[in-house]
Amino acid sequence: MNSENNNNTPATAQLKQTLPTGKIVDTQSALKRLQYEFMAIMITADSKISTFSKENNIFIWKWTISGSKDTIFEGKKYKLYLSFHVDYPFKPPSA
């Protein structure tokens, strides 16, 4: 058996070590992504939909959707809060 096929080489032993349990979260990536998506929605949104960040917190969005004209929903307003995780977009928001 040659040394290249030996599973106990130093490189292989290093790969088998356990990874640290602590995870560093890059909140700046989520923040930039949310700012970009928020602005895109503000620019292209339908007039029946409004979006605001709650208390200037970009991780919580408040949506208000007005019911369409000539439907049973006309005159009604629906409110929705979306809460984004710091791992966004890898974790979905909750409503």
N, C-alpha and C. Protein backbone atom coordinates (compact mmCIF):
# COMPACT_ATOMS: atom_id res chain seq x y z
N MET A 1 0.85 -1.16 0.00
CA MET A 1 0.00 0.00 0.00
C MET A 1 0.90 1.23 0.00
N ASN A 2 0.66 2.17 -0.92
CA ASN A 2 1.50 3.36 -0.95
C ASN A 2 0.92 4.43 -0.04
N SER A 3 1.70 5.48 0.23
CA SER A 3 1.31 6.51 1.19
C SER A 3 0.18 7.40 0.66
N GLU A 4 -0.02 7.46 -0.67
CA GLU A 4 -1.08 8.30 -1.22
C GLU A 4 -2.47 7.74 -0.90
N ASN A 5 -2.59 6.42 -0.76
CA ASN A 5 -3.88 5.81 -0.48
C ASN A 5 -4.14 5.64 1.02
N ASN A 6 -3.20 6.02 1.83
CA ASN A 6 -3.34 5.88 3.27
C ASN A 6 -4.31 6.94 3.81
N ASN A 7 -5.37 6.50 4.48
CA ASN A 7 -6.38 7.42 5.00
C ASN A 7 -5.95 8.15 6.26
N ASN A 8 -4.78 7.86 6.77
CA ASN A 8 -4.34 8.51 7.99
C ASN A 8 -3.27 9.56 7.72
N THR A 9 -3.23 10.11 6.52
CA THR A 9 -2.27 11.15 6.22
C THR A 9 -2.66 12.40 6.99
N PRO A 10 -1.73 13.30 7.26
CA PRO A 10 -2.06 14.51 8.02
C PRO A 10 -3.19 15.32 7.38
N ALA A 11 -3.24 15.41 6.07
CA ALA A 11 -4.29 16.18 5.41
C ALA A 11 -5.66 15.56 5.67
N THR A 12 -5.76 14.24 5.60
CA THR A 12 -7.03 13.55 5.85
C THR A 12 -7.42 13.69 7.31
N ALA A 13 -6.49 13.62 8.21
CA ALA A 13 -6.78 13.76 9.64
C ALA A 13 -7.34 15.15 9.93
N GLN A 14 -6.82 16.18 9.26
CA GLN A 14 -7.34 17.53 9.46
C GLN A 14 -8.77 17.65 8.98
N LEU A 15 -9.13 16.99 7.90
CA LEU A 15 -10.48 17.06 7.36
C LEU A 15 -11.50 16.41 8.29
N LYS A 16 -11.06 15.44 9.09
CA LYS A 16 -11.97 14.74 9.98
C LYS A 16 -12.21 15.48 11.28
N GLN A 17 -11.50 16.57 11.53
CA GLN A 17 -11.70 17.32 12.76
C GLN A 17 -13.08 17.96 12.75
N THR A 18 -13.66 18.08 13.92
CA THR A 18 -14.97 18.70 13.99
C THR A 18 -14.85 20.20 13.79
N LEU A 19 -15.88 20.76 13.17
CA LEU A 19 -15.90 22.20 12.94
C LEU A 19 -16.40 22.90 14.19
N PRO A 20 -16.00 24.14 14.38
CA PRO A 20 -16.49 24.87 15.55
C PRO A 20 -18.00 25.08 15.46
N THR A 21 -18.66 25.07 16.61
CA THR A 21 -20.11 25.20 16.61
C THR A 21 -20.56 26.65 16.44
N GLY A 22 -19.74 27.61 16.81
CA GLY A 22 -20.11 29.02 16.67
C GLY A 22 -20.18 29.41 15.21
N LYS A 23 -21.18 30.19 14.86
CA LYS A 23 -21.35 30.61 13.47
C LYS A 23 -21.32 32.13 13.41
N ILE A 24 -20.52 32.66 12.53
CA ILE A 24 -20.45 34.10 12.37
C ILE A 24 -21.47 34.49 11.31
N VAL A 25 -22.36 35.39 11.67
CA VAL A 25 -23.40 35.83 10.76
C VAL A 25 -23.00 37.18 10.19
N ASP A 26 -23.04 37.28 8.88
CA ASP A 26 -22.71 38.52 8.19
C ASP A 26 -23.99 39.31 8.00
N THR A 27 -24.35 40.13 8.97
CA THR A 27 -25.59 40.89 8.89
C THR A 27 -25.52 41.96 7.80
N GLN A 28 -24.33 42.37 7.42
CA GLN A 28 -24.20 43.39 6.38
C GLN A 28 -24.73 42.88 5.04
N SER A 29 -24.52 41.62 4.74
CA SER A 29 -25.03 41.05 3.49
C SER A 29 -26.56 41.08 3.47
N ALA A 30 -27.17 40.66 4.57
CA ALA A 30 -28.63 40.68 4.66
C ALA A 30 -29.13 42.12 4.59
N LEU A 31 -28.47 43.03 5.27
CA LEU A 31 -28.87 44.43 5.28
C LEU A 31 -28.83 45.02 3.89
N LYS A 32 -27.76 44.80 3.16
CA LYS A 32 -27.64 45.31 1.79
C LYS A 32 -28.70 44.71 0.88
N ARG A 33 -28.93 43.43 1.01
CA ARG A 33 -29.94 42.76 0.18
C ARG A 33 -31.33 43.31 0.46
N LEU A 34 -31.66 43.48 1.74
CA LEU A 34 -32.97 44.00 2.11
C LEU A 34 -33.16 45.45 1.65
N GLN A 35 -32.13 46.25 1.76
CA GLN A 35 -32.21 47.64 1.29
C GLN A 35 -32.45 47.68 -0.21
N TYR A 36 -31.74 46.85 -0.95
CA TYR A 36 -31.91 46.79 -2.40
C TYR A 36 -33.33 46.35 -2.76
N GLU A 37 -33.82 45.29 -2.13
CA GLU A 37 -35.15 44.77 -2.45
C GLU A 37 -36.24 45.75 -2.01
N PHE A 38 -36.05 46.42 -0.88
CA PHE A 38 -37.02 47.39 -0.40
C PHE A 38 -37.16 48.54 -1.40
N MET A 39 -36.03 49.04 -1.87
CA MET A 39 -36.07 50.15 -2.85
C MET A 39 -36.69 49.69 -4.16
N ALA A 40 -36.40 48.49 -4.60
CA ALA A 40 -36.99 47.96 -5.84
C ALA A 40 -38.51 47.88 -5.71
N ILE A 41 -38.99 47.47 -4.55
CA ILE A 41 -40.44 47.39 -4.33
C ILE A 41 -41.05 48.79 -4.31
N MET A 42 -40.38 49.73 -3.65
CA MET A 42 -40.89 51.10 -3.56
C MET A 42 -41.00 51.73 -4.95
N ILE A 43 -40.06 51.43 -5.82
CA ILE A 43 -40.04 52.03 -7.16
C ILE A 43 -41.09 51.41 -8.07
N THR A 44 -41.29 50.10 -7.97
CA THR A 44 -42.16 49.40 -8.92
C THR A 44 -43.50 48.98 -8.35
N ALA A 45 -43.77 49.29 -7.10
CA ALA A 45 -44.98 48.78 -6.45
C ALA A 45 -46.26 49.35 -7.06
N ASP A 46 -47.29 48.56 -7.01
CA ASP A 46 -48.63 48.95 -7.40
C ASP A 46 -49.14 50.00 -6.40
N SER A 47 -49.98 50.91 -6.87
CA SER A 47 -50.48 51.95 -5.98
C SER A 47 -51.37 51.40 -4.87
N LYS A 48 -51.84 50.17 -4.99
CA LYS A 48 -52.68 49.55 -3.98
C LYS A 48 -51.86 48.86 -2.89
N ILE A 49 -50.55 48.88 -3.04
CA ILE A 49 -49.67 48.22 -2.08
C ILE A 49 -48.69 49.24 -1.53
N SER A 50 -48.59 49.32 -0.22
CA SER A 50 -47.58 50.19 0.37
C SER A 50 -46.68 49.35 1.28
N THR A 51 -45.43 49.73 1.31
CA THR A 51 -44.44 49.02 2.11
C THR A 51 -43.63 50.02 2.90
N PHE A 52 -43.47 49.76 4.18
CA PHE A 52 -42.65 50.60 5.04
C PHE A 52 -41.86 49.71 5.98
N SER A 53 -40.70 50.21 6.38
CA SER A 53 -39.99 49.48 7.43
C SER A 53 -40.58 49.93 8.76
N LYS A 54 -40.76 49.00 9.67
CA LYS A 54 -41.37 49.30 10.95
C LYS A 54 -40.33 49.95 11.88
N GLU A 55 -40.64 51.15 12.34
CA GLU A 55 -39.77 51.87 13.27
C GLU A 55 -38.34 51.96 12.76
N ASN A 56 -38.19 52.19 11.45
CA ASN A 56 -36.89 52.31 10.79
C ASN A 56 -36.01 51.07 10.97
N ASN A 57 -36.62 49.91 11.11
CA ASN A 57 -35.90 48.64 11.21
C ASN A 57 -36.10 47.91 9.89
N ILE A 58 -35.07 47.85 9.07
CA ILE A 58 -35.16 47.25 7.74
C ILE A 58 -35.46 45.75 7.82
N PHE A 59 -35.29 45.13 8.98
CA PHE A 59 -35.56 43.70 9.13
C PHE A 59 -37.04 43.41 9.40
N ILE A 60 -37.86 44.46 9.58
CA ILE A 60 -39.30 44.29 9.76
C ILE A 60 -40.03 45.22 8.79
N TRP A 61 -40.82 44.62 7.89
CA TRP A 61 -41.56 45.38 6.90
C TRP A 61 -43.04 45.33 7.20
N LYS A 62 -43.71 46.46 7.00
CA LYS A 62 -45.16 46.54 7.16
C LYS A 62 -45.76 46.76 5.76
N TRP A 63 -46.61 45.85 5.35
CA TRP A 63 -47.28 45.94 4.06
C TRP A 63 -48.75 46.26 4.30
N THR A 64 -49.30 47.13 3.49
CA THR A 64 -50.73 47.39 3.48
C THR A 64 -51.20 47.18 2.05
N ILE A 65 -52.19 46.33 1.89
CA ILE A 65 -52.72 45.99 0.57
C ILE A 65 -54.19 46.40 0.55
N SER A 66 -54.54 47.24 -0.42
CA SER A 66 -55.93 47.68 -0.57
C SER A 66 -56.65 46.74 -1.51
N GLY A 67 -57.90 46.46 -1.18
CA GLY A 67 -58.71 45.58 -2.02
C GLY A 67 -58.97 46.20 -3.39
N SER A 68 -59.03 45.37 -4.39
CA SER A 68 -59.23 45.83 -5.78
C SER A 68 -60.65 46.34 -5.99
N LYS A 69 -60.75 47.33 -6.87
CA LYS A 69 -62.04 47.92 -7.22
C LYS A 69 -62.93 46.88 -7.90
N ASP A 70 -64.22 47.00 -7.66
CA ASP A 70 -65.23 46.12 -8.26
C ASP A 70 -65.08 44.66 -7.83
N THR A 71 -64.55 44.45 -6.64
CA THR A 71 -64.48 43.10 -6.07
C THR A 71 -65.06 43.16 -4.66
N ILE A 72 -65.25 42.02 -4.06
CA ILE A 72 -65.75 42.00 -2.69
C ILE A 72 -64.72 42.56 -1.70
N PHE A 73 -63.49 42.74 -2.16
CA PHE A 73 -62.42 43.26 -1.32
C PHE A 73 -62.28 44.78 -1.40
N GLU A 74 -63.06 45.42 -2.29
CA GLU A 74 -62.97 46.88 -2.47
C GLU A 74 -63.25 47.60 -1.15
N GLY A 75 -62.42 48.59 -0.85
CA GLY A 75 -62.59 49.37 0.37
C GLY A 75 -61.96 48.74 1.60
N LYS A 76 -61.46 47.55 1.48
CA LYS A 76 -60.83 46.87 2.62
C LYS A 76 -59.31 47.03 2.54
N LYS A 77 -58.68 47.03 3.70
CA LYS A 77 -57.22 47.10 3.76
C LYS A 77 -56.71 45.92 4.57
N TYR A 78 -55.67 45.32 4.06
CA TYR A 78 -55.07 44.15 4.71
C TYR A 78 -53.64 44.51 5.09
N LYS A 79 -53.28 44.22 6.35
CA LYS A 79 -51.95 44.55 6.84
C LYS A 79 -51.17 43.27 7.10
N LEU A 80 -49.91 43.34 6.77
CA LEU A 80 -49.03 42.20 6.91
C LEU A 80 -47.67 42.69 7.40
N TYR A 81 -47.13 42.01 8.36
CA TYR A 81 -45.77 42.31 8.82
C TYR A 81 -44.86 41.16 8.42
N LEU A 82 -43.74 41.49 7.81
CA LEU A 82 -42.73 40.49 7.47
C LEU A 82 -41.51 40.75 8.34
N SER A 83 -41.03 39.71 8.98
CA SER A 83 -39.85 39.80 9.82
C SER A 83 -38.75 38.97 9.16
N PHE A 84 -37.66 39.63 8.82
CA PHE A 84 -36.55 38.97 8.12
C PHE A 84 -35.46 38.57 9.10
N HIS A 85 -34.92 37.40 8.90
CA HIS A 85 -33.84 36.86 9.73
C HIS A 85 -32.51 37.46 9.26
N VAL A 86 -31.53 37.52 10.14
CA VAL A 86 -30.22 38.06 9.76
C VAL A 86 -29.53 37.17 8.73
N ASP A 87 -30.01 35.94 8.54
CA ASP A 87 -29.45 35.04 7.52
C ASP A 87 -30.20 35.16 6.19
N TYR A 88 -31.08 36.16 6.05
CA TYR A 88 -31.80 36.35 4.79
C TYR A 88 -30.79 36.58 3.68
N PRO A 89 -30.93 36.01 2.53
CA PRO A 89 -32.04 35.28 1.93
C PRO A 89 -31.97 33.76 2.14
N PHE A 90 -31.06 33.31 2.98
CA PHE A 90 -30.92 31.87 3.18
C PHE A 90 -31.96 31.31 4.14
N LYS A 91 -32.59 32.19 4.90
CA LYS A 91 -33.73 31.81 5.74
C LYS A 91 -34.89 32.72 5.32
N PRO A 92 -36.08 32.15 5.17
CA PRO A 92 -37.20 32.95 4.70
C PRO A 92 -37.73 33.88 5.79
N PRO A 93 -38.42 34.93 5.38
CA PRO A 93 -39.05 35.79 6.40
C PRO A 93 -40.26 35.11 7.01
N SER A 94 -40.65 35.58 8.17
CA SER A 94 -41.88 35.08 8.79
C SER A 94 -42.91 36.18 8.73
N ALA A 95 -44.19 35.78 8.64
CA ALA A 95 -45.29 36.75 8.54
C ALA A 95 -46.12 36.70 9.80
